[in-house]
PDB file of N, CA and C in Angstrom:
ATOM      1  N   MET A   1      -0.001  11.315 -17.773  1.00  0.00           N
ATOM      2  CA  MET A   1       0.231  12.001 -16.482  1.00  0.00           C
ATOM      3  C   MET A   1      -0.201  11.090 -15.328  1.00  0.00           C
ATOM      4  N   ARG A   2       0.682  10.955 -14.367  1.00  0.00           N
ATOM      5  CA  ARG A   2       0.370  10.058 -13.247  1.00  0.00           C
ATOM      6  C   ARG A   2      -0.008  10.850 -11.998  1.00  0.00           C
ATOM      7  N   PHE A   3      -0.554  10.136 -11.025  1.00  0.00           N
ATOM      8  CA  PHE A   3      -0.949  10.791  -9.781  1.00  0.00           C
ATOM      9  C   PHE A   3       0.280  11.116  -8.936  1.00  0.00           C
ATOM     10  N   ALA A   4       0.077  11.941  -7.947  1.00  0.00           N
ATOM     11  CA  ALA A   4       1.191  12.321  -7.076  1.00  0.00           C
ATOM     12  C   ALA A   4       1.686  11.098  -6.307  1.00  0.00           C
ATOM     13  N   ILE A   5       3.000  11.019  -6.111  1.00  0.00           N
ATOM     14  CA  ILE A   5       3.580   9.890  -5.384  1.00  0.00           C
ATOM     15  C   ILE A   5       4.250  10.371  -4.102  1.00  0.00           C
ATOM     16  N   ARG A   6       4.470   9.438  -3.179  1.00  0.00           N
ATOM     17  CA  ARG A   6       5.080   9.820  -1.900  1.00  0.00           C
ATOM     18  C   ARG A   6       6.562   9.473  -1.934  1.00  0.00           C
ATOM     19  N   GLU A   7       7.390  10.460  -1.655  1.00  0.00           N
ATOM     20  CA  GLU A   7       8.840  10.239  -1.665  1.00  0.00           C
ATOM     21  C   GLU A   7       9.432  10.740  -0.360  1.00  0.00           C
ATOM     22  N   GLY A   8      10.103   9.874   0.360  1.00  0.00           N
ATOM     23  CA  GLY A   8      10.721  10.279   1.618  1.00  0.00           C
ATOM     24  C   GLY A   8       9.675  10.720   2.632  1.00  0.00           C
ATOM     25  N   GLY A   9       8.436  10.236   2.469  1.00  0.00           N
ATOM     26  CA  GLY A   9       7.382  10.574   3.422  1.00  0.00           C
ATOM     27  C   GLY A   9       6.638  11.838   3.035  1.00  0.00           C
ATOM     28  N   ARG A  10       6.980  12.423   1.883  1.00  0.00           N
ATOM     29  CA  ARG A  10       6.282  13.633   1.459  1.00  0.00           C
ATOM     30  C   ARG A  10       5.705  13.444   0.055  1.00  0.00           C
ATOM     31  N   THR A  11       4.665  14.201  -0.246  1.00  0.00           N
ATOM     32  CA  THR A  11       3.999  14.045  -1.536  1.00  0.00           C
ATOM     33  C   THR A  11       4.597  14.987  -2.565  1.00  0.00           C
ATOM     34  N   VAL A  12       4.772  14.482  -3.779  1.00  0.00           N
ATOM     35  CA  VAL A  12       5.341  15.304  -4.846  1.00  0.00           C
ATOM     36  C   VAL A  12       4.354  15.402  -5.995  1.00  0.00           C
ATOM     37  N   GLY A  13       4.430  16.487  -6.741  1.00  0.00           N
ATOM     38  CA  GLY A  13       3.496  16.702  -7.846  1.00  0.00           C
ATOM     39  C   GLY A  13       4.011  16.114  -9.151  1.00  0.00           C
ATOM     40  N   ALA A  14       3.241  16.292 -10.208  1.00  0.00           N
ATOM     41  CA  ALA A  14       3.608  15.755 -11.519  1.00  0.00           C
ATOM     42  C   ALA A  14       4.924  16.355 -11.992  1.00  0.00           C
ATOM     43  N   GLY A  15       5.187  17.597 -11.625  1.00  0.00           N
ATOM     44  CA  GLY A  15       6.426  18.253 -12.039  1.00  0.00           C
ATOM     45  C   GLY A  15       7.634  17.473 -11.547  1.00  0.00           C
ATOM     46  N   THR A  16       7.605  17.084 -10.271  1.00  0.00           N
ATOM     47  CA  THR A  16       8.725  16.328  -9.712  1.00  0.00           C
ATOM     48  C   THR A  16       8.743  14.922 -10.290  1.00  0.00           C
ATOM     49  N   ILE A  17       7.561  14.380 -10.529  1.00  0.00           N
ATOM     50  CA  ILE A  17       7.448  13.023 -11.090  1.00  0.00           C
ATOM     51  C   ILE A  17       8.181  12.955 -12.417  1.00  0.00           C
ATOM     52  N   SER A  18       8.034  13.973 -13.230  1.00  0.00           N
ATOM     53  CA  SER A  18       8.688  13.997 -14.542  1.00  0.00           C
ATOM     54  C   SER A  18      10.197  13.854 -14.377  1.00  0.00           C
ATOM     55  N   GLU A  19      10.754  14.534 -13.398  1.00  0.00           N
ATOM     56  CA  GLU A  19      12.199  14.467 -13.169  1.00  0.00           C
ATOM     57  C   GLU A  19      12.599  13.072 -12.702  1.00  0.00           C
ATOM     58  N   ILE A  20      11.772  12.459 -11.868  1.00  0.00           N
ATOM     59  CA  ILE A  20      12.073  11.119 -11.354  1.00  0.00           C
ATOM     60  C   ILE A  20      12.047  10.106 -12.496  1.00  0.00           C
ATOM     61  N   LEU A  21      11.018  10.198 -13.346  1.00  0.00           N
ATOM     62  CA  LEU A  21      10.902   9.270 -14.469  1.00  0.00           C
ATOM     63  C   LEU A  21      12.061   9.463 -15.428  1.00  0.00           C
ATOM     64  N   GLU A  22      12.529  10.674 -15.544  1.00  0.00           N
ATOM     65  CA  GLU A  22      13.634  10.976 -16.456  1.00  0.00           C
ATOM     66  C   GLU A  22      14.953  10.609 -15.783  1.00  0.00           C
TER      67      GLU A  22
END
């Protein structure tokens, strides 16, 4: 599990991260 990342100037949680990695 990774830390929250910033996308488009906003912070996303692990849930969104999973979709990005996939």
